[in-house]
N, C-alpha and C. Protein backbone atom coordinates (compact mmCIF):
# COMPACT_ATOMS: atom_id res chain seq x y z
N MET A 1 11.20 8.44 -19.03
CA MET A 1 10.37 8.16 -17.87
C MET A 1 11.07 7.14 -16.98
N ARG A 2 11.04 7.37 -15.70
CA ARG A 2 11.69 6.55 -14.70
C ARG A 2 10.90 5.29 -14.36
N LEU A 3 9.57 5.38 -14.40
CA LEU A 3 8.70 4.24 -14.09
C LEU A 3 7.83 3.93 -15.30
N THR A 4 7.78 2.67 -15.68
CA THR A 4 6.89 2.24 -16.75
C THR A 4 5.97 1.17 -16.18
N ARG A 5 4.68 1.45 -16.18
CA ARG A 5 3.69 0.51 -15.67
C ARG A 5 3.08 -0.22 -16.85
N SER A 6 2.89 -1.54 -16.71
CA SER A 6 2.35 -2.27 -17.85
C SER A 6 1.42 -3.40 -17.42
N ASP A 7 0.48 -3.64 -18.29
CA ASP A 7 -0.45 -4.75 -18.18
C ASP A 7 -0.46 -5.45 -19.54
N PRO A 8 0.45 -6.41 -19.74
CA PRO A 8 0.56 -7.06 -21.05
C PRO A 8 -0.75 -7.66 -21.52
N ALA A 9 -1.00 -7.54 -22.81
CA ALA A 9 -2.23 -8.08 -23.40
C ALA A 9 -2.24 -9.61 -23.39
N THR A 10 -1.12 -10.22 -23.08
CA THR A 10 -1.01 -11.68 -23.09
C THR A 10 -1.48 -12.34 -21.81
N VAL A 11 -1.90 -11.52 -20.82
CA VAL A 11 -2.42 -12.05 -19.56
C VAL A 11 -3.75 -11.36 -19.25
N PRO A 12 -4.60 -11.95 -18.41
CA PRO A 12 -5.86 -11.29 -18.06
C PRO A 12 -5.60 -9.93 -17.42
N ALA A 13 -6.43 -8.97 -17.75
CA ALA A 13 -6.29 -7.62 -17.20
C ALA A 13 -6.59 -7.62 -15.70
N PRO A 14 -5.87 -6.79 -14.93
CA PRO A 14 -6.20 -6.67 -13.51
C PRO A 14 -7.52 -5.93 -13.35
N PRO A 15 -8.17 -6.06 -12.19
CA PRO A 15 -9.40 -5.31 -11.96
C PRO A 15 -9.13 -3.81 -12.15
N PRO A 16 -10.02 -3.09 -12.81
CA PRO A 16 -9.79 -1.66 -13.06
C PRO A 16 -9.53 -0.89 -11.76
N GLY A 17 -8.49 -0.06 -11.80
CA GLY A 17 -8.18 0.80 -10.67
C GLY A 17 -7.55 0.12 -9.47
N ARG A 18 -7.14 -1.14 -9.60
CA ARG A 18 -6.60 -1.86 -8.44
C ARG A 18 -5.08 -1.93 -8.43
N TYR A 19 -4.46 -2.37 -9.53
CA TYR A 19 -3.01 -2.53 -9.57
C TYR A 19 -2.54 -2.68 -11.00
N SER A 20 -1.21 -2.61 -11.19
CA SER A 20 -0.57 -2.90 -12.46
C SER A 20 0.09 -4.27 -12.35
N HIS A 21 0.14 -5.01 -13.46
CA HIS A 21 0.83 -6.30 -13.43
C HIS A 21 2.33 -6.13 -13.22
N ALA A 22 2.90 -5.07 -13.80
CA ALA A 22 4.35 -4.87 -13.70
C ALA A 22 4.68 -3.38 -13.69
N VAL A 23 5.74 -3.05 -12.97
CA VAL A 23 6.28 -1.69 -12.98
C VAL A 23 7.79 -1.84 -13.15
N GLN A 24 8.30 -1.24 -14.23
CA GLN A 24 9.74 -1.26 -14.48
C GLN A 24 10.35 0.05 -14.02
N VAL A 25 11.41 -0.04 -13.24
CA VAL A 25 12.14 1.14 -12.77
C VAL A 25 13.42 1.22 -13.60
N THR A 26 13.60 2.34 -14.31
CA THR A 26 14.75 2.45 -15.20
C THR A 26 15.95 3.14 -14.57
N SER A 27 15.75 3.86 -13.47
CA SER A 27 16.89 4.50 -12.82
C SER A 27 16.51 4.98 -11.43
N GLY A 28 17.53 5.25 -10.64
CA GLY A 28 17.30 5.85 -9.34
C GLY A 28 17.32 4.88 -8.19
N PRO A 29 17.52 5.43 -6.97
CA PRO A 29 17.54 4.61 -5.76
C PRO A 29 16.14 4.14 -5.37
N MET A 30 16.10 3.08 -4.59
CA MET A 30 14.85 2.49 -4.13
C MET A 30 14.70 2.68 -2.63
N LEU A 31 13.44 2.79 -2.18
CA LEU A 31 13.12 2.91 -0.76
C LEU A 31 12.21 1.75 -0.39
N TYR A 32 12.60 0.98 0.62
CA TYR A 32 11.82 -0.14 1.11
C TYR A 32 11.26 0.25 2.46
N VAL A 33 9.93 0.28 2.58
CA VAL A 33 9.28 0.73 3.80
C VAL A 33 8.69 -0.48 4.53
N SER A 34 9.06 -0.63 5.77
CA SER A 34 8.55 -1.73 6.59
C SER A 34 7.03 -1.67 6.70
N GLY A 35 6.44 -2.82 6.99
CA GLY A 35 5.00 -2.89 7.17
C GLY A 35 4.54 -1.96 8.29
N GLN A 36 3.46 -1.24 8.03
CA GLN A 36 2.92 -0.29 8.99
C GLN A 36 1.52 -0.74 9.42
N ILE A 37 1.24 -0.57 10.71
CA ILE A 37 -0.10 -0.83 11.23
C ILE A 37 -0.63 0.49 11.77
N ALA A 38 -1.89 0.51 12.18
CA ALA A 38 -2.55 1.74 12.62
C ALA A 38 -2.24 2.08 14.07
N LEU A 39 -0.97 2.29 14.36
CA LEU A 39 -0.57 2.65 15.71
C LEU A 39 -0.83 4.12 15.97
N GLY A 40 -1.43 4.39 17.11
CA GLY A 40 -1.64 5.77 17.53
C GLY A 40 -0.44 6.26 18.32
N ALA A 41 -0.45 7.52 18.69
CA ALA A 41 0.66 8.13 19.44
C ALA A 41 0.88 7.43 20.78
N ASP A 42 -0.18 6.83 21.34
CA ASP A 42 -0.07 6.15 22.63
C ASP A 42 0.45 4.72 22.51
N GLY A 43 0.73 4.27 21.29
CA GLY A 43 1.23 2.91 21.08
C GLY A 43 0.13 1.88 20.91
N GLY A 44 -1.12 2.30 21.05
CA GLY A 44 -2.25 1.40 20.84
C GLY A 44 -2.78 1.51 19.43
N ILE A 45 -3.64 0.58 19.07
CA ILE A 45 -4.24 0.60 17.73
C ILE A 45 -5.34 1.65 17.68
N ASP A 46 -5.31 2.47 16.66
CA ASP A 46 -6.35 3.46 16.41
C ASP A 46 -7.56 2.72 15.85
N ALA A 47 -8.68 2.83 16.49
CA ALA A 47 -9.96 2.28 16.03
C ALA A 47 -9.98 0.76 15.87
N PRO A 48 -9.80 0.01 16.95
CA PRO A 48 -9.91 -1.45 16.85
C PRO A 48 -11.23 -1.85 16.21
N GLY A 49 -11.17 -2.79 15.27
CA GLY A 49 -12.37 -3.28 14.62
C GLY A 49 -12.86 -2.46 13.44
N ASP A 50 -12.22 -1.33 13.13
CA ASP A 50 -12.67 -0.44 12.06
C ASP A 50 -11.63 -0.44 10.93
N MET A 51 -11.88 -1.25 9.88
CA MET A 51 -10.94 -1.39 8.78
C MET A 51 -10.72 -0.07 8.03
N ALA A 52 -11.77 0.68 7.78
CA ALA A 52 -11.62 1.94 7.05
C ALA A 52 -10.72 2.91 7.82
N ARG A 53 -10.96 3.08 9.10
CA ARG A 53 -10.15 4.01 9.90
C ARG A 53 -8.72 3.52 10.01
N GLN A 54 -8.52 2.22 10.25
CA GLN A 54 -7.15 1.71 10.33
C GLN A 54 -6.43 1.90 9.00
N SER A 55 -7.13 1.73 7.89
CA SER A 55 -6.52 1.95 6.57
C SER A 55 -6.10 3.40 6.40
N GLU A 56 -6.95 4.33 6.84
CA GLU A 56 -6.62 5.76 6.75
C GLU A 56 -5.35 6.06 7.56
N VAL A 57 -5.26 5.51 8.75
CA VAL A 57 -4.09 5.75 9.61
C VAL A 57 -2.84 5.18 8.96
N VAL A 58 -2.93 3.96 8.47
CA VAL A 58 -1.78 3.32 7.83
C VAL A 58 -1.30 4.14 6.64
N PHE A 59 -2.22 4.56 5.76
CA PHE A 59 -1.80 5.31 4.58
C PHE A 59 -1.29 6.70 4.94
N SER A 60 -1.78 7.27 6.02
CA SER A 60 -1.24 8.54 6.50
C SER A 60 0.21 8.36 6.97
N ILE A 61 0.46 7.29 7.69
CA ILE A 61 1.82 7.00 8.16
C ILE A 61 2.74 6.77 6.95
N LEU A 62 2.29 5.96 6.00
CA LEU A 62 3.10 5.70 4.81
C LEU A 62 3.37 6.99 4.04
N GLU A 63 2.36 7.84 3.93
CA GLU A 63 2.51 9.11 3.22
C GLU A 63 3.60 9.97 3.87
N ARG A 64 3.62 9.99 5.20
CA ARG A 64 4.63 10.77 5.92
C ARG A 64 6.03 10.17 5.78
N ILE A 65 6.12 8.85 5.77
CA ILE A 65 7.43 8.21 5.57
C ILE A 65 7.94 8.52 4.17
N LEU A 66 7.08 8.39 3.17
CA LEU A 66 7.48 8.71 1.79
C LEU A 66 7.93 10.17 1.69
N ALA A 67 7.14 11.08 2.26
CA ALA A 67 7.46 12.50 2.20
C ALA A 67 8.81 12.80 2.84
N ALA A 68 9.15 12.08 3.91
CA ALA A 68 10.43 12.28 4.57
C ALA A 68 11.61 11.93 3.66
N HIS A 69 11.31 11.20 2.58
CA HIS A 69 12.33 10.81 1.60
C HIS A 69 12.08 11.49 0.26
N ASP A 70 11.33 12.61 0.29
CA ASP A 70 11.01 13.38 -0.92
C ASP A 70 10.29 12.53 -1.98
N ALA A 71 9.44 11.62 -1.52
CA ALA A 71 8.68 10.75 -2.42
C ALA A 71 7.20 10.87 -2.11
N SER A 72 6.39 10.28 -2.97
CA SER A 72 4.94 10.26 -2.79
C SER A 72 4.41 8.91 -3.26
N PHE A 73 3.11 8.73 -3.18
CA PHE A 73 2.52 7.47 -3.66
C PHE A 73 2.70 7.29 -5.16
N ALA A 74 2.94 8.37 -5.90
CA ALA A 74 3.21 8.25 -7.34
C ALA A 74 4.51 7.51 -7.60
N ASP A 75 5.40 7.46 -6.60
CA ASP A 75 6.69 6.79 -6.73
C ASP A 75 6.65 5.34 -6.27
N VAL A 76 5.53 4.91 -5.68
CA VAL A 76 5.42 3.55 -5.16
C VAL A 76 5.27 2.57 -6.31
N VAL A 77 6.12 1.54 -6.29
CA VAL A 77 6.08 0.52 -7.35
C VAL A 77 5.48 -0.80 -6.87
N ASN A 78 5.45 -1.00 -5.55
CA ASN A 78 4.89 -2.25 -5.02
C ASN A 78 4.25 -2.00 -3.66
N VAL A 79 3.10 -2.64 -3.47
CA VAL A 79 2.39 -2.61 -2.19
C VAL A 79 2.14 -4.06 -1.78
N ARG A 80 2.46 -4.37 -0.55
CA ARG A 80 2.14 -5.70 0.00
C ARG A 80 1.27 -5.47 1.22
N THR A 81 0.08 -6.08 1.20
CA THR A 81 -0.90 -5.87 2.27
C THR A 81 -1.25 -7.20 2.92
N PHE A 82 -1.26 -7.19 4.22
CA PHE A 82 -1.67 -8.35 5.00
C PHE A 82 -2.93 -7.94 5.76
N VAL A 83 -4.01 -8.69 5.60
CA VAL A 83 -5.27 -8.41 6.29
C VAL A 83 -5.69 -9.64 7.08
N THR A 84 -6.41 -9.40 8.16
CA THR A 84 -6.87 -10.52 8.98
C THR A 84 -8.25 -11.01 8.55
N ASP A 85 -8.91 -10.29 7.63
CA ASP A 85 -10.23 -10.69 7.16
C ASP A 85 -10.45 -10.15 5.75
N LEU A 86 -10.37 -11.04 4.75
CA LEU A 86 -10.60 -10.61 3.36
C LEU A 86 -12.00 -10.07 3.14
N GLY A 87 -12.92 -10.37 4.04
CA GLY A 87 -14.27 -9.84 3.95
C GLY A 87 -14.31 -8.32 4.11
N LEU A 88 -13.23 -7.75 4.64
CA LEU A 88 -13.15 -6.29 4.84
C LEU A 88 -12.34 -5.61 3.74
N LEU A 89 -11.99 -6.36 2.69
CA LEU A 89 -11.13 -5.84 1.64
C LEU A 89 -11.72 -4.63 0.91
N ALA A 90 -13.01 -4.61 0.71
CA ALA A 90 -13.64 -3.47 0.01
C ALA A 90 -13.45 -2.17 0.79
N GLU A 91 -13.51 -2.24 2.12
CA GLU A 91 -13.29 -1.04 2.94
C GLU A 91 -11.86 -0.55 2.80
N TYR A 92 -10.92 -1.48 2.78
CA TYR A 92 -9.51 -1.14 2.59
C TYR A 92 -9.31 -0.51 1.20
N ALA A 93 -9.85 -1.16 0.17
CA ALA A 93 -9.67 -0.69 -1.20
C ALA A 93 -10.23 0.72 -1.41
N GLU A 94 -11.35 1.01 -0.76
CA GLU A 94 -11.96 2.34 -0.90
C GLU A 94 -11.04 3.43 -0.34
N VAL A 95 -10.35 3.14 0.73
CA VAL A 95 -9.41 4.11 1.32
C VAL A 95 -8.14 4.18 0.48
N ARG A 96 -7.63 3.04 0.08
CA ARG A 96 -6.36 2.97 -0.66
C ARG A 96 -6.42 3.66 -2.01
N GLY A 97 -7.48 3.48 -2.76
CA GLY A 97 -7.60 3.95 -4.13
C GLY A 97 -7.17 5.39 -4.37
N PRO A 98 -7.73 6.35 -3.64
CA PRO A 98 -7.38 7.75 -3.89
C PRO A 98 -5.91 8.09 -3.65
N PHE A 99 -5.20 7.33 -2.87
CA PHE A 99 -3.79 7.62 -2.62
C PHE A 99 -2.94 7.40 -3.87
N PHE A 100 -3.39 6.50 -4.76
CA PHE A 100 -2.59 6.17 -5.93
C PHE A 100 -3.05 6.85 -7.21
N GLY A 101 -4.29 7.28 -7.28
CA GLY A 101 -4.76 7.91 -8.52
C GLY A 101 -4.54 6.98 -9.70
N GLY A 102 -3.93 7.48 -10.76
CA GLY A 102 -3.73 6.69 -11.97
C GLY A 102 -2.45 5.88 -12.00
N GLY A 103 -1.49 6.20 -11.13
CA GLY A 103 -0.21 5.50 -11.13
C GLY A 103 -0.26 4.28 -10.25
N LEU A 104 -0.78 3.18 -10.77
CA LEU A 104 -1.01 2.00 -9.95
C LEU A 104 0.24 1.15 -9.79
N PRO A 105 0.57 0.79 -8.55
CA PRO A 105 1.72 -0.07 -8.30
C PRO A 105 1.36 -1.54 -8.52
N THR A 106 2.37 -2.40 -8.47
CA THR A 106 2.08 -3.82 -8.38
C THR A 106 1.56 -4.05 -6.97
N SER A 107 0.84 -5.15 -6.76
CA SER A 107 0.19 -5.31 -5.46
C SER A 107 -0.04 -6.78 -5.14
N THR A 108 0.14 -7.09 -3.87
CA THR A 108 -0.19 -8.41 -3.35
C THR A 108 -0.95 -8.19 -2.05
N THR A 109 -2.06 -8.91 -1.90
CA THR A 109 -2.84 -8.86 -0.66
C THR A 109 -3.04 -10.28 -0.18
N VAL A 110 -2.75 -10.51 1.10
CA VAL A 110 -2.82 -11.84 1.68
C VAL A 110 -3.59 -11.79 2.98
N GLU A 111 -4.46 -12.77 3.19
CA GLU A 111 -5.14 -12.90 4.48
C GLU A 111 -4.25 -13.72 5.40
N VAL A 112 -4.09 -13.22 6.61
CA VAL A 112 -3.29 -13.91 7.62
C VAL A 112 -4.16 -14.11 8.87
N PRO A 113 -3.84 -15.11 9.67
CA PRO A 113 -4.67 -15.35 10.85
C PRO A 113 -4.56 -14.25 11.91
N ARG A 114 -3.38 -13.62 12.00
CA ARG A 114 -3.21 -12.52 12.95
C ARG A 114 -1.95 -11.75 12.59
N LEU A 115 -1.87 -10.54 13.16
CA LEU A 115 -0.69 -9.70 13.01
C LEU A 115 -0.03 -9.56 14.37
N PHE A 116 1.11 -8.89 14.44
CA PHE A 116 1.85 -8.86 15.70
C PHE A 116 1.10 -8.12 16.80
N HIS A 117 0.18 -7.20 16.45
CA HIS A 117 -0.66 -6.55 17.47
C HIS A 117 -2.06 -7.14 17.33
N PRO A 118 -2.65 -7.64 18.39
CA PRO A 118 -3.93 -8.35 18.28
C PRO A 118 -5.10 -7.51 17.75
N ASP A 119 -5.04 -6.19 17.86
CA ASP A 119 -6.14 -5.34 17.37
C ASP A 119 -5.91 -4.82 15.95
N ALA A 120 -4.75 -5.11 15.36
CA ALA A 120 -4.46 -4.65 14.00
C ALA A 120 -5.23 -5.51 12.98
N LEU A 121 -5.93 -4.85 12.07
CA LEU A 121 -6.66 -5.54 11.02
C LEU A 121 -5.86 -5.65 9.73
N LEU A 122 -4.84 -4.79 9.59
CA LEU A 122 -4.02 -4.82 8.38
C LEU A 122 -2.62 -4.31 8.68
N GLU A 123 -1.69 -4.71 7.80
CA GLU A 123 -0.33 -4.22 7.80
C GLU A 123 0.04 -4.01 6.35
N VAL A 124 0.63 -2.86 6.03
CA VAL A 124 0.95 -2.51 4.64
C VAL A 124 2.40 -2.08 4.56
N GLU A 125 3.12 -2.67 3.58
CA GLU A 125 4.49 -2.26 3.29
C GLU A 125 4.55 -1.82 1.84
N VAL A 126 5.47 -0.90 1.53
CA VAL A 126 5.62 -0.41 0.16
C VAL A 126 7.09 -0.37 -0.24
N VAL A 127 7.29 -0.37 -1.56
CA VAL A 127 8.59 -0.13 -2.16
C VAL A 127 8.40 1.03 -3.12
N ALA A 128 9.29 2.03 -3.04
CA ALA A 128 9.19 3.21 -3.90
C ALA A 128 10.49 3.45 -4.63
N ALA A 129 10.40 3.98 -5.84
CA ALA A 129 11.56 4.44 -6.59
C ALA A 129 11.71 5.91 -6.27
N LEU A 130 12.79 6.27 -5.62
CA LEU A 130 12.97 7.65 -5.19
C LEU A 130 13.23 8.58 -6.37
N PRO A 131 12.61 9.75 -6.37
CA PRO A 131 12.84 10.70 -7.45
C PRO A 131 14.28 11.20 -7.47
N GLY A 132 14.68 11.66 -8.64
CA GLY A 132 16.00 12.26 -8.76
C GLY A 132 17.02 11.23 -9.00
């Protein structure tokens, strides 16, 4: 197996369905994807003020970037998320969850005062172990 996900019994368990404490990559090239925001084709933010919709757009963009490299969310080993309001985290988590299924990456989520676009509520970057 190329990826081994683990939650050692020597540390508190992560919340169910949220993330893995560690993911070991045993072989293969890595893909580092820059942080993505919910930019629409017109260069504006899709759905200002709507965390669920912005999350859907961001994960759709990430999915297409991964696919362009013959990868999927099953290959993602780390997710780093920046949000402008942790109070909206449940909306983000509800959208994010189905993209990963059972193969949970390591994860960090941080609240920031703002992102580079004033209407962006979140920015998400990923690291994936490329198949093959």
